[in-house]
Amino acid sequence: MLSTKYLYRHLFLLIFWAALWFVVWIQIKQDLGTSVALLYTSSVMVVAIAIAKILSDSVLPKALKTKQMKSFILQAICFTLLLALWMGTLDFFFIYSDQYLSTKEKTTLLLVQFYKAIISSLLMNGTACGIRFYQEHADIQQEHNLLQQLVLENQIKSLRDQINPHLMFNALNHIQKLMKKNIKQAEYLLLKFSDMLRYQLYESNLSDVLLSRELQYLEDFITIEKIRCGDWLTIHSHCRISTSGLRIVPLILIPFVENAFKHVALHPDQLSEITVDCQEEKGRLRFTLRNSLQETSVGTTEKYTQAAFEQITKGLDLHYANKYIFTVEQTAHCFTQFVQIDLFQP
């Protein structure tokens, strides 16, 4: 049973050949009679359809895949001349066969009919191949788009897999130590940690999640790190979301937080501080992180721009191209990351 796609692809060609057959038959019916005109038209159309099908369904697709269009052009010329010769021969046989002509006149007349038929043959084969070329181009474009989508999905998965496992292992080690000292706090952190893992394993595979869910994940992460670092680290966090139902790509914000904890100063003689500020208004999210720097980390900007900056901007480009602003700034004692994203409504 023929598929719907096959019928759809050949519907226009079917209409084209049927209309052409009818037009030719109508034009010569008065001169040759109904039955003879039917035989002549059918003889022309059967060969024309066969040649056009060979060109459009076999020769052309092969030439497009192998990129050997010169070979296709040569074969198309040969088939066009072959069809023209057939049409010229039929013209001579059906129209002039009953006339008394010399051999030279017959040869001349046959050549004249052959030359006249070249244009008709070219138009028929050109139309069939043109339709087929359009269909093949559409298929190639569709395959190209699918490949691009697969590449994009692999890039997204790769970026998500780059989320630093070192901080997660630190959290697990801290929970293990707390189990010996403070069972309640260890249980509290374990619940937070399980929520984070659940989000990473299941919800991070979605194309987008609620902004509130992404921020909850960040809050759990910050809570675990705050308890792990103890009194050495002060965290100021402020979040204001004015639009409900906003969605965001999962795990797009966690690299900023990871970098803040990675570069923050953790020394008794230094100010250890992280400030998280998240503001959303009319679908525009502004996310700012500031962290104090270790004295030995004054030159980290170059390393940051080479590694983390590249990872973050690649993720933003994939999901929010031309819809975001991302900047970093470093002073002697402070490192600031800022990102602004225009989010989409559900």
C-alpha atoms as a PDB file:
ATOM      1  CA  MET A   1       0.000   0.000   0.000  1.00  0.00           C
ATOM      2  CA  LEU A   2       1.368   3.377  -1.012  1.00  0.00           C
ATOM      3  CA  SER A   3       2.199   5.752   1.821  1.00  0.00           C
ATOM      4  CA  THR A   4       0.632   9.172   2.155  1.00  0.00           C
ATOM      5  CA  LYS A   5       4.055  10.816   1.798  1.00  0.00           C
ATOM      6  CA  TYR A   6       4.681   8.975  -1.500  1.00  0.00           C
ATOM      7  CA  LEU A   7       1.283  10.012  -2.895  1.00  0.00           C
ATOM      8  CA  TYR A   8       1.800  13.612  -1.797  1.00  0.00           C
ATOM      9  CA  ARG A   9       5.249  13.806  -3.386  1.00  0.00           C
ATOM     10  CA  HIS A  10       3.932  12.493  -6.733  1.00  0.00           C
ATOM     11  CA  LEU A  11       0.561  14.250  -6.729  1.00  0.00           C
ATOM     12  CA  PHE A  12       1.775  17.339  -8.587  1.00  0.00           C
ATOM     13  CA  LEU A  13       3.566  15.236 -11.202  1.00  0.00           C
ATOM     14  CA  LEU A  14       0.452  13.146 -11.690  1.00  0.00           C
ATOM     15  CA  ILE A  15      -1.631  16.275 -12.264  1.00  0.00           C
ATOM     16  CA  PHE A  16       1.024  17.683 -14.605  1.00  0.00           C
ATOM     17  CA  TRP A  17       1.182  14.573 -16.814  1.00  0.00           C
ATOM     18  CA  ALA A  18      -2.591  14.156 -16.890  1.00  0.00           C
ATOM     19  CA  ALA A  19      -3.105  17.791 -17.886  1.00  0.00           C
ATOM     20  CA  LEU A  20      -0.377  17.584 -20.551  1.00  0.00           C
ATOM     21  CA  TRP A  21      -1.835  14.361 -21.950  1.00  0.00           C
ATOM     22  CA  PHE A  22      -5.279  15.981 -22.192  1.00  0.00           C
ATOM     23  CA  VAL A  23      -3.987  19.167 -23.851  1.00  0.00           C
ATOM     24  CA  VAL A  24      -2.013  17.262 -26.525  1.00  0.00           C
ATOM     25  CA  TRP A  25      -4.953  14.977 -27.218  1.00  0.00           C
ATOM     26  CA  ILE A  26      -7.366  17.912 -27.634  1.00  0.00           C
ATOM     27  CA  GLN A  27      -5.014  19.745 -30.014  1.00  0.00           C
ATOM     28  CA  ILE A  28      -4.561  16.841 -32.459  1.00  0.00           C
ATOM     29  CA  LYS A  29      -7.969  15.185 -32.114  1.00  0.00           C
ATOM     30  CA  GLN A  30      -9.513  17.196 -34.949  1.00  0.00           C
ATOM     31  CA  ASP A  31      -6.651  16.412 -37.338  1.00  0.00           C
ATOM     32  CA  LEU A  32      -6.163  12.721 -36.558  1.00  0.00           C
ATOM     33  CA  GLY A  33      -9.487  11.669 -35.130  1.00  0.00           C
ATOM     34  CA  THR A  34     -10.326  10.590 -31.605  1.00  0.00           C
ATOM     35  CA  SER A  35      -8.889   7.054 -31.616  1.00  0.00           C
ATOM     36  CA  VAL A  36      -5.706   7.848 -33.566  1.00  0.00           C
ATOM     37  CA  ALA A  37      -5.101  10.955 -31.460  1.00  0.00           C
ATOM     38  CA  LEU A  38      -5.536   8.811 -28.338  1.00  0.00           C
ATOM     39  CA  LEU A  39      -2.977   6.290 -29.624  1.00  0.00           C
ATOM     40  CA  TYR A  40      -0.506   9.044 -30.614  1.00  0.00           C
ATOM     41  CA  THR A  41      -0.830  10.901 -27.314  1.00  0.00           C
ATOM     42  CA  SER A  42      -0.485   7.720 -25.260  1.00  0.00           C
ATOM     43  CA  SER A  43       2.616   6.671 -27.231  1.00  0.00           C
ATOM     44  CA  VAL A  44       4.257  10.037 -26.570  1.00  0.00           C
ATOM     45  CA  MET A  45       3.262  10.231 -22.897  1.00  0.00           C
ATOM     46  CA  VAL A  46       4.316   6.682 -21.940  1.00  0.00           C
ATOM     47  CA  VAL A  47       7.855   7.179 -23.237  1.00  0.00           C
ATOM     48  CA  ALA A  48       8.034  10.758 -21.904  1.00  0.00           C
ATOM     49  CA  ILE A  49       6.943   9.669 -18.415  1.00  0.00           C
ATOM     50  CA  ALA A  50       9.387   6.740 -18.435  1.00  0.00           C
ATOM     51  CA  ILE A  51      12.332   8.949 -19.442  1.00  0.00           C
ATOM     52  CA  ALA A  52      11.360  11.718 -17.018  1.00  0.00           C
ATOM     53  CA  LYS A  53      11.019   9.194 -14.196  1.00  0.00           C
ATOM     54  CA  ILE A  54      14.476   7.776 -14.891  1.00  0.00           C
ATOM     55  CA  LEU A  55      15.963  11.271 -14.865  1.00  0.00           C
ATOM     56  CA  SER A  56      14.082  12.614 -11.853  1.00  0.00           C
ATOM     57  CA  ASP A  57      13.928   9.520  -9.633  1.00  0.00           C
ATOM     58  CA  SER A  58      17.278   7.900 -10.370  1.00  0.00           C
ATOM     59  CA  VAL A  59      19.805  10.078 -12.183  1.00  0.00           C
ATOM     60  CA  LEU A  60      19.094  13.400 -10.417  1.00  0.00           C
ATOM     61  CA  PRO A  61      19.043  12.133  -6.770  1.00  0.00           C
ATOM     62  CA  LYS A  62      22.268  10.216  -7.381  1.00  0.00           C
ATOM     63  CA  ALA A  63      23.916  13.301  -8.898  1.00  0.00           C
ATOM     64  CA  LEU A  64      22.819  15.459  -5.948  1.00  0.00           C
ATOM     65  CA  LYS A  65      24.208  13.011  -3.396  1.00  0.00           C
ATOM     66  CA  THR A  66      27.508  12.518  -5.230  1.00  0.00           C
ATOM     67  CA  LYS A  67      27.663  16.175  -6.364  1.00  0.00           C
ATOM     68  CA  GLN A  68      28.309  15.133  -9.957  1.00  0.00           C
ATOM     69  CA  MET A  69      25.994  17.562 -11.730  1.00  0.00           C
ATOM     70  CA  LYS A  70      28.041  17.622 -14.937  1.00  0.00           C
ATOM     71  CA  SER A  71      27.341  13.920 -15.425  1.00  0.00           C
ATOM     72  CA  PHE A  72      23.648  14.550 -14.809  1.00  0.00           C
ATOM     73  CA  ILE A  73      23.543  17.344 -17.403  1.00  0.00           C
ATOM     74  CA  LEU A  74      25.132  15.100 -20.040  1.00  0.00           C
ATOM     75  CA  GLN A  75      22.692  12.281 -19.305  1.00  0.00           C
ATOM     76  CA  ALA A  76      19.764  14.710 -19.295  1.00  0.00           C
ATOM     77  CA  ILE A  77      20.785  15.994 -22.748  1.00  0.00           C
ATOM     78  CA  CYS A  78      20.977  12.437 -24.088  1.00  0.00           C
ATOM     79  CA  PHE A  79      17.558  11.498 -22.705  1.00  0.00           C
ATOM     80  CA  THR A  80      16.060  14.757 -23.998  1.00  0.00           C
ATOM     81  CA  LEU A  81      17.360  14.092 -27.511  1.00  0.00           C
ATOM     82  CA  LEU A  82      16.122  10.493 -27.299  1.00  0.00           C
ATOM     83  CA  LEU A  83      12.620  11.649 -26.378  1.00  0.00           C
ATOM     84  CA  ALA A  84      12.714  14.281 -29.116  1.00  0.00           C
ATOM     85  CA  LEU A  85      13.686  11.617 -31.664  1.00  0.00           C
ATOM     86  CA  TRP A  86      10.805   9.431 -30.524  1.00  0.00           C
ATOM     87  CA  MET A  87       8.330  12.313 -30.758  1.00  0.00           C
ATOM     88  CA  GLY A  88       9.638  13.314 -34.202  1.00  0.00           C
ATOM     89  CA  THR A  89       9.306   9.743 -35.426  1.00  0.00           C
ATOM     90  CA  LEU A  90       5.728   9.533 -34.158  1.00  0.00           C
ATOM     91  CA  ASP A  91       4.879  12.849 -35.827  1.00  0.00           C
ATOM     92  CA  PHE A  92       6.257  11.584 -39.110  1.00  0.00           C
ATOM     93  CA  PHE A  93       4.509   8.206 -38.843  1.00  0.00           C
ATOM     94  CA  PHE A  94       1.055   9.456 -37.808  1.00  0.00           C
ATOM     95  CA  ILE A  95       0.908  12.671 -39.876  1.00  0.00           C
ATOM     96  CA  TYR A  96       3.004  12.171 -43.007  1.00  0.00           C
ATOM     97  CA  SER A  97       3.148   8.403 -43.502  1.00  0.00           C
ATOM     98  CA  ASP A  98       0.274   8.349 -46.021  1.00  0.00           C
ATOM     99  CA  GLN A  99       1.899  11.011 -48.189  1.00  0.00           C
ATOM    100  CA  TYR A 100       4.102  10.060 -51.138  1.00  0.00           C
ATOM    101  CA  LEU A 101       7.543  11.457 -50.439  1.00  0.00           C
ATOM    102  CA  SER A 102      11.010  10.710 -51.687  1.00  0.00           C
ATOM    103  CA  THR A 103      13.648   9.272 -49.395  1.00  0.00           C
ATOM    104  CA  LYS A 104      15.418  12.630 -49.208  1.00  0.00           C
ATOM    105  CA  GLU A 105      12.150  14.440 -48.369  1.00  0.00           C
ATOM    106  CA  LYS A 106      11.322  11.858 -45.717  1.00  0.00           C
ATOM    107  CA  THR A 107      14.763  12.273 -44.131  1.00  0.00           C
ATOM    108  CA  THR A 108      14.483  16.060 -44.200  1.00  0.00           C
ATOM    109  CA  LEU A 109      10.956  15.959 -42.749  1.00  0.00           C
ATOM    110  CA  LEU A 110      12.038  13.574 -40.005  1.00  0.00           C
ATOM    111  CA  LEU A 111      14.899  15.896 -39.024  1.00  0.00           C
ATOM    112  CA  VAL A 112      12.560  18.902 -38.995  1.00  0.00           C
ATOM    113  CA  GLN A 113      10.107  17.107 -36.706  1.00  0.00           C
ATOM    114  CA  PHE A 114      13.019  16.024 -34.496  1.00  0.00           C
ATOM    115  CA  TYR A 115      14.231  19.618 -34.085  1.00  0.00           C
ATOM    116  CA  LYS A 116      10.699  20.813 -33.324  1.00  0.00           C
ATOM    117  CA  ALA A 117      10.278  18.129 -30.687  1.00  0.00           C
ATOM    118  CA  ILE A 118      13.468  19.090 -28.828  1.00  0.00           C
ATOM    119  CA  ILE A 119      11.789  22.078 -27.137  1.00  0.00           C
ATOM    120  CA  SER A 120       8.788  19.994 -26.058  1.00  0.00           C
ATOM    121  CA  SER A 121      11.071  17.245 -24.770  1.00  0.00           C
ATOM    122  CA  LEU A 122      13.186  19.768 -22.896  1.00  0.00           C
ATOM    123  CA  LEU A 123      10.148  21.346 -21.242  1.00  0.00           C
ATOM    124  CA  MET A 124       8.716  17.987 -20.125  1.00  0.00           C
ATOM    125  CA  ASN A 125      11.993  16.666 -18.707  1.00  0.00           C
ATOM    126  CA  GLY A 126      12.888  20.049 -17.244  1.00  0.00           C
ATOM    127  CA  THR A 127       9.563  20.307 -15.416  1.00  0.00           C
ATOM    128  CA  ALA A 128       9.815  16.788 -13.985  1.00  0.00           C
ATOM    129  CA  CYS A 129      13.428  17.285 -12.872  1.00  0.00           C
ATOM    130  CA  GLY A 130      12.654  20.734 -11.489  1.00  0.00           C
ATOM    131  CA  ILE A 131       9.897  19.347  -9.282  1.00  0.00           C
ATOM    132  CA  ARG A 132      12.130  16.503  -8.172  1.00  0.00           C
ATOM    133  CA  PHE A 133      15.022  18.875  -7.465  1.00  0.00           C
ATOM    134  CA  TYR A 134      12.774  20.973  -5.249  1.00  0.00           C
ATOM    135  CA  GLN A 135      11.661  17.859  -3.360  1.00  0.00           C
ATOM    136  CA  GLU A 136      15.221  16.586  -2.967  1.00  0.00           C
ATOM    137  CA  HIS A 137      16.395  20.002  -1.786  1.00  0.00           C
ATOM    138  CA  ALA A 138      13.583  20.077   0.774  1.00  0.00           C
ATOM    139  CA  ASP A 139      14.569  16.590   2.018  1.00  0.00           C
ATOM    140  CA  ILE A 140      18.242  17.544   2.240  1.00  0.00           C
ATOM    141  CA  GLN A 141      17.334  20.726   4.111  1.00  0.00           C
ATOM    142  CA  GLN A 142      15.150  18.750   6.505  1.00  0.00           C
ATOM    143  CA  GLU A 143      17.958  16.267   7.159  1.00  0.00           C
ATOM    144  CA  HIS A 144      20.358  19.166   7.685  1.00  0.00           C
ATOM    145  CA  ASN A 145      17.980  20.742  10.196  1.00  0.00           C
ATOM    146  CA  LEU A 146      17.648  17.427  12.034  1.00  0.00           C
ATOM    147  CA  LEU A 147      21.423  17.074  12.192  1.00  0.00           C
ATOM    148  CA  GLN A 148      21.723  20.634  13.500  1.00  0.00           C
ATOM    149  CA  GLN A 149      19.134  19.831  16.150  1.00  0.00           C
ATOM    150  CA  LEU A 150      21.049  16.711  17.187  1.00  0.00           C
ATOM    151  CA  VAL A 151      24.296  18.680  17.382  1.00  0.00           C
ATOM    152  CA  LEU A 152      22.537  21.349  19.452  1.00  0.00           C
ATOM    153  CA  GLU A 153      21.086  18.758  21.829  1.00  0.00           C
ATOM    154  CA  ASN A 154      24.510  17.129  22.229  1.00  0.00           C
ATOM    155  CA  GLN A 155      26.082  20.515  22.938  1.00  0.00           C
ATOM    156  CA  ILE A 156      23.422  21.254  25.539  1.00  0.00           C
ATOM    157  CA  LYS A 157      23.940  17.860  27.177  1.00  0.00           C
ATOM    158  CA  SER A 158      27.704  18.387  27.147  1.00  0.00           C
ATOM    159  CA  LEU A 159      27.347  21.775  28.833  1.00  0.00           C
ATOM    160  CA  ARG A 160      25.054  20.352  31.487  1.00  0.00           C
ATOM    161  CA  ASP A 161      27.469  17.503  32.130  1.00  0.00           C
ATOM    162  CA  GLN A 162      30.204  20.070  32.767  1.00  0.00           C
ATOM    163  CA  ILE A 163      28.554  21.186  36.024  1.00  0.00           C
ATOM    164  CA  ASN A 164      31.355  20.935  38.543  1.00  0.00           C
ATOM    165  CA  PRO A 165      31.079  17.598  40.437  1.00  0.00           C
ATOM    166  CA  HIS A 166      33.804  18.721  42.846  1.00  0.00           C
ATOM    167  CA  LEU A 167      31.377  20.898  44.810  1.00  0.00           C
ATOM    168  CA  MET A 168      28.882  18.041  44.987  1.00  0.00           C
ATOM    169  CA  PHE A 169      31.508  15.699  46.388  1.00  0.00           C
ATOM    170  CA  ASN A 170      32.446  18.342  48.949  1.00  0.00           C
ATOM    171  CA  ALA A 171      28.799  18.501  50.031  1.00  0.00           C
ATOM    172  CA  LEU A 172      28.623  14.724  50.416  1.00  0.00           C
ATOM    173  CA  ASN A 173      31.826  14.668  52.454  1.00  0.00           C
ATOM    174  CA  HIS A 174      30.494  17.399  54.716  1.00  0.00           C
ATOM    175  CA  ILE A 175      27.215  15.534  55.219  1.00  0.00           C
ATOM    176  CA  GLN A 176      29.191  12.434  56.164  1.00  0.00           C
ATOM    177  CA  LYS A 177      31.120  14.411  58.802  1.00  0.00           C
ATOM    178  CA  LEU A 178      27.932  15.964  60.159  1.00  0.00           C
ATOM    179  CA  MET A 179      26.410  12.523  60.675  1.00  0.00           C
ATOM    180  CA  LYS A 180      28.918  12.095  63.531  1.00  0.00           C
ATOM    181  CA  LYS A 181      28.350  15.541  65.072  1.00  0.00           C
ATOM    182  CA  ASN A 182      24.911  16.914  64.229  1.00  0.00           C
ATOM    183  CA  ILE A 183      22.371  14.365  62.985  1.00  0.00           C
ATOM    184  CA  LYS A 184      19.541  16.866  62.492  1.00  0.00           C
ATOM    185  CA  GLN A 185      21.637  19.224  60.409  1.00  0.00           C
ATOM    186  CA  ALA A 186      22.996  16.304  58.403  1.00  0.00           C
ATOM    187  CA  GLU A 187      19.439  15.115  57.697  1.00  0.00           C
ATOM    188  CA  TYR A 188      18.467  18.643  56.664  1.00  0.00           C
ATOM    189  CA  LEU A 189      21.402  18.898  54.242  1.00  0.00           C
ATOM    190  CA  LEU A 190      20.716  15.408  52.913  1.00  0.00           C
ATOM    191  CA  LEU A 191      17.152  16.421  52.016  1.00  0.00           C
ATOM    192  CA  LYS A 192      18.458  19.515  50.245  1.00  0.00           C
ATOM    193  CA  PHE A 193      21.036  17.440  48.445  1.00  0.00           C
ATOM    194  CA  SER A 194      18.465  14.850  47.336  1.00  0.00           C
ATOM    195  CA  ASP A 195      16.258  17.635  45.946  1.00  0.00           C
ATOM    196  CA  MET A 196      19.218  18.945  43.968  1.00  0.00           C
ATOM    197  CA  LEU A 197      20.027  15.520  42.553  1.00  0.00           C
ATOM    198  CA  ARG A 198      16.397  14.937  41.640  1.00  0.00           C
ATOM    199  CA  TYR A 199      16.354  18.233  39.776  1.00  0.00           C
ATOM    200  CA  GLN A 200      19.590  17.440  37.936  1.00  0.00           C
ATOM    201  CA  LEU A 201      18.600  13.902  37.009  1.00  0.00           C
ATOM    202  CA  TYR A 202      15.014  14.467  35.920  1.00  0.00           C
ATOM    203  CA  GLU A 203      14.078  18.109  35.395  1.00  0.00           C
ATOM    204  CA  SER A 204      17.352  19.221  33.815  1.00  0.00           C
ATOM    205  CA  ASN A 205      16.525  17.088  30.755  1.00  0.00           C
ATOM    206  CA  LEU A 206      13.509  19.279  29.993  1.00  0.00           C
ATOM    207  CA  SER A 207      13.765  22.104  27.480  1.00  0.00           C
ATOM    208  CA  ASP A 208      12.651  24.603  30.132  1.00  0.00           C
ATOM    209  CA  VAL A 209      11.430  24.714  33.730  1.00  0.00           C
ATOM    210  CA  LEU A 210       9.689  27.228  35.939  1.00  0.00           C
ATOM    211  CA  LEU A 211      12.003  30.048  36.992  1.00  0.00           C
ATOM    212  CA  SER A 212      10.937  29.473  40.593  1.00  0.00           C
ATOM    213  CA  ARG A 213      12.131  25.864  40.366  1.00  0.00           C
ATOM    214  CA  GLU A 214      15.537  26.901  39.023  1.00  0.00           C
ATOM    215  CA  LEU A 215      15.920  29.470  41.787  1.00  0.00           C
ATOM    216  CA  GLN A 216      14.948  26.858  44.397  1.00  0.00           C
ATOM    217  CA  TYR A 217      17.757  24.662  43.084  1.00  0.00           C
ATOM    218  CA  LEU A 218      20.199  27.553  43.444  1.00  0.00           C
ATOM    219  CA  GLU A 219      18.924  28.262  46.954  1.00  0.00           C
ATOM    220  CA  ASP A 220      19.486  24.625  47.969  1.00  0.00           C
ATOM    221  CA  PHE A 221      22.989  24.743  46.547  1.00  0.00           C
ATOM    222  CA  ILE A 222      23.811  27.980  48.383  1.00  0.00           C
ATOM    223  CA  THR A 223      22.385  26.604  51.645  1.00  0.00           C
ATOM    224  CA  ILE A 224      24.574  23.505  51.475  1.00  0.00           C
ATOM    225  CA  GLU A 225      27.686  25.542  50.698  1.00  0.00           C
ATOM    226  CA  LYS A 226      26.920  28.053  53.466  1.00  0.00           C
ATOM    227  CA  ILE A 227      26.680  25.309  56.078  1.00  0.00           C
ATOM    228  CA  ARG A 228      29.762  23.579  54.703  1.00  0.00           C
ATOM    229  CA  CYS A 229      31.864  26.768  54.825  1.00  0.00           C
ATOM    230  CA  GLY A 230      30.599  27.713  58.282  1.00  0.00           C
ATOM    231  CA  ASP A 231      31.133  31.109  59.881  1.00  0.00           C
ATOM    232  CA  TRP A 232      34.013  31.937  57.550  1.00  0.00           C
ATOM    233  CA  LEU A 233      31.574  32.805  54.798  1.00  0.00           C
ATOM    234  CA  THR A 234      28.828  35.422  54.853  1.00  0.00           C
ATOM    235  CA  ILE A 235      26.123  35.188  52.208  1.00  0.00           C
ATOM    236  CA  HIS A 236      23.670  37.955  51.329  1.00  0.00           C
ATOM    237  CA  SER A 237      20.845  36.803  49.124  1.00  0.00           C
ATOM    238  CA  HIS A 238      17.973  38.803  47.712  1.00  0.00           C
ATOM    239  CA  CYS A 239      15.447  37.671  45.141  1.00  0.00           C
ATOM    240  CA  ARG A 240      12.394  39.447  43.719  1.00  0.00           C
ATOM    241  CA  ILE A 241      10.253  37.876  40.984  1.00  0.00           C
ATOM    242  CA  SER A 242       7.312  39.964  39.772  1.00  0.00           C
ATOM    243  CA  THR A 243       5.980  37.771  36.953  1.00  0.00           C
ATOM    244  CA  SER A 244       4.566  34.336  37.695  1.00  0.00           C
ATOM    245  CA  GLY A 245       4.831  31.423  35.292  1.00  0.00           C
ATOM    246  CA  LEU A 246       8.116  32.450  33.711  1.00  0.00           C
ATOM    247  CA  ARG A 247      10.230  29.587  32.405  1.00  0.00           C
ATOM    248  CA  ILE A 248      13.961  29.255  31.977  1.00  0.00           C
ATOM    249  CA  VAL A 249      16.422  26.713  30.594  1.00  0.00           C
ATOM    250  CA  PRO A 250      17.408  24.408  33.487  1.00  0.00           C
ATOM    251  CA  LEU A 251      20.867  24.733  35.046  1.00  0.00           C
ATOM    252  CA  ILE A 252      21.647  27.900  33.051  1.00  0.00           C
ATOM    253  CA  LEU A 253      22.394  29.899  36.241  1.00  0.00           C
ATOM    254  CA  ILE A 254      24.314  27.349  38.310  1.00  0.00           C
ATOM    255  CA  PRO A 255      27.722  28.022  36.631  1.00  0.00           C
ATOM    256  CA  PHE A 256      27.601  31.613  37.964  1.00  0.00           C
ATOM    257  CA  VAL A 257      27.046  30.389  41.524  1.00  0.00           C
ATOM    258  CA  GLU A 258      29.707  27.720  41.198  1.00  0.00           C
ATOM    259  CA  ASN A 259      32.245  30.296  40.053  1.00  0.00           C
ATOM    260  CA  ALA A 260      31.397  32.556  42.965  1.00  0.00           C
ATOM    261  CA  PHE A 261      32.054  29.771  45.491  1.00  0.00           C
ATOM    262  CA  LYS A 262      35.110  28.660  43.561  1.00  0.00           C
ATOM    263  CA  HIS A 263      36.817  32.062  43.701  1.00  0.00           C
ATOM    264  CA  VAL A 264      35.546  33.370  47.048  1.00  0.00           C
ATOM    265  CA  ALA A 265      38.162  34.081  49.745  1.00  0.00           C
ATOM    266  CA  LEU A 266      37.990  31.528  52.554  1.00  0.00           C
ATOM    267  CA  HIS A 267      40.557  32.691  55.072  1.00  0.00           C
ATOM    268  CA  PRO A 268      40.113  33.795  58.723  1.00  0.00           C
ATOM    269  CA  ASP A 269      42.097  36.981  58.139  1.00  0.00           C
ATOM    270  CA  GLN A 270      40.116  38.012  55.018  1.00  0.00           C
ATOM    271  CA  LEU A 271      36.563  39.115  54.387  1.00  0.00           C
ATOM    272  CA  SER A 272      34.718  36.139  52.909  1.00  0.00           C
ATOM    273  CA  GLU A 273      31.475  37.265  51.393  1.00  0.00           C
ATOM    274  CA  ILE A 274      29.094  36.372  48.551  1.00  0.00           C
ATOM    275  CA  THR A 275      26.189  38.544  47.461  1.00  0.00           C
ATOM    276  CA  VAL A 276      23.421  37.097  45.297  1.00  0.00           C
ATOM    277  CA  ASP A 277      20.930  39.497  43.783  1.00  0.00           C
ATOM    278  CA  CYS A 278      18.132  38.262  41.504  1.00  0.00           C
ATOM    279  CA  GLN A 279      15.599  40.673  40.071  1.00  0.00           C
ATOM    280  CA  GLU A 280      12.896  40.019  37.479  1.00  0.00           C
ATOM    281  CA  GLU A 281      10.555  42.544  35.928  1.00  0.00           C
ATOM    282  CA  LYS A 282       8.346  42.145  32.837  1.00  0.00           C
ATOM    283  CA  GLY A 283      10.122  38.955  31.805  1.00  0.00           C
ATOM    284  CA  ARG A 284      13.643  40.395  32.089  1.00  0.00           C
ATOM    285  CA  LEU A 285      15.858  38.596  34.587  1.00  0.00           C
ATOM    286  CA  ARG A 286      18.877  40.367  36.140  1.00  0.00           C
ATOM    287  CA  PHE A 287      21.192  38.058  38.054  1.00  0.00           C
ATOM    288  CA  THR A 288      24.227  39.477  39.890  1.00  0.00           C
ATOM    289  CA  LEU A 289      26.835  37.640  41.964  1.00  0.00           C
ATOM    290  CA  ARG A 290      29.654  39.314  43.888  1.00  0.00           C
ATOM    291  CA  ASN A 291      32.285  37.450  45.834  1.00  0.00           C
ATOM    292  CA  SER A 292      35.335  38.542  47.739  1.00  0.00           C
ATOM    293  CA  LEU A 293      38.621  37.432  46.248  1.00  0.00           C
ATOM    294  CA  GLN A 294      41.518  35.645  47.823  1.00  0.00           C
ATOM    295  CA  GLU A 295      44.726  37.658  47.781  1.00  0.00           C
ATOM    296  CA  THR A 296      46.310  34.927  45.699  1.00  0.00           C
ATOM    297  CA  SER A 297      43.451  35.124  43.153  1.00  0.00           C
ATOM    298  CA  VAL A 298      44.026  38.638  41.836  1.00  0.00           C
ATOM    299  CA  GLY A 299      45.025  37.280  38.450  1.00  0.00           C
ATOM    300  CA  THR A 300      42.105  34.905  38.006  1.00  0.00           C
ATOM    301  CA  THR A 301      40.240  37.066  35.481  1.00  0.00           C
ATOM    302  CA  GLU A 302      42.267  35.737  32.569  1.00  0.00           C
ATOM    303  CA  LYS A 303      41.717  32.114  33.609  1.00  0.00           C
ATOM    304  CA  TYR A 304      38.038  32.833  34.145  1.00  0.00           C
ATOM    305  CA  THR A 305      37.554  34.289  30.692  1.00  0.00           C
ATOM    306  CA  GLN A 306      39.329  31.337  29.131  1.00  0.00           C
ATOM    307  CA  ALA A 307      37.372  28.561  30.866  1.00  0.00           C
ATOM    308  CA  ALA A 308      34.227  29.499  32.763  1.00  0.00           C
ATOM    309  CA  PHE A 309      33.446  32.513  30.583  1.00  0.00           C
ATOM    310  CA  GLU A 310      33.599  30.312  27.479  1.00  0.00           C
ATOM    311  CA  GLN A 311      31.337  27.671  29.031  1.00  0.00           C
ATOM    312  CA  ILE A 312      28.770  30.209  30.220  1.00  0.00           C
ATOM    313  CA  THR A 313      28.618  32.229  27.005  1.00  0.00           C
ATOM    314  CA  LYS A 314      28.299  29.058  24.946  1.00  0.00           C
ATOM    315  CA  GLY A 315      25.281  27.987  26.985  1.00  0.00           C
ATOM    316  CA  LEU A 316      23.724  31.433  26.720  1.00  0.00           C
ATOM    317  CA  ASP A 317      24.346  31.575  22.970  1.00  0.00           C
ATOM    318  CA  LEU A 318      22.670  28.210  22.458  1.00  0.00           C
ATOM    319  CA  HIS A 319      19.509  29.156  24.335  1.00  0.00           C
ATOM    320  CA  TYR A 320      19.252  32.951  24.406  1.00  0.00           C
ATOM    321  CA  ALA A 321      21.147  34.247  21.379  1.00  0.00           C
ATOM    322  CA  ASN A 322      20.733  38.044  21.110  1.00  0.00           C
ATOM    323  CA  LYS A 323      18.553  37.973  24.242  1.00  0.00           C
ATOM    324  CA  TYR A 324      21.155  38.276  26.964  1.00  0.00           C
ATOM    325  CA  ILE A 325      23.913  40.480  28.374  1.00  0.00           C
ATOM    326  CA  PHE A 326      26.800  38.931  30.283  1.00  0.00           C
ATOM    327  CA  THR A 327      29.665  40.831  31.919  1.00  0.00           C
ATOM    328  CA  VAL A 328      32.371  40.165  34.481  1.00  0.00           C
ATOM    329  CA  GLU A 329      34.296  42.720  36.497  1.00  0.00           C
ATOM    330  CA  GLN A 330      37.193  42.331  38.892  1.00  0.00           C
ATOM    331  CA  THR A 331      38.696  44.720  41.400  1.00  0.00           C
ATOM    332  CA  ALA A 332      41.430  44.144  43.934  1.00  0.00           C
ATOM    333  CA  HIS A 333      39.065  42.441  46.400  1.00  0.00           C
ATOM    334  CA  CYS A 334      35.840  41.748  44.545  1.00  0.00           C
ATOM    335  CA  PHE A 335      34.729  39.672  41.580  1.00  0.00           C
ATOM    336  CA  THR A 336      31.351  40.453  39.971  1.00  0.00           C
ATOM    337  CA  GLN A 337      29.313  38.483  37.458  1.00  0.00           C
ATOM    338  CA  PHE A 338      26.221  39.957  35.858  1.00  0.00           C
ATOM    339  CA  VAL A 339      23.786  38.396  33.414  1.00  0.00           C
ATOM    340  CA  GLN A 340      20.559  39.772  32.007  1.00  0.00           C
ATOM    341  CA  ILE A 341      18.221  37.403  30.154  1.00  0.00           C
ATOM    342  CA  ASP A 342      14.951  38.099  28.348  1.00  0.00           C
ATOM    343  CA  LEU A 343      12.852  35.106  29.344  1.00  0.00           C
ATOM    344  CA  PHE A 344       9.876  33.683  27.492  1.00  0.00           C
ATOM    345  CA  GLN A 345       6.316  33.266  28.702  1.00  0.00           C
ATOM    346  CA  PRO A 346       4.675  29.792  28.778  1.00  0.00           C
END
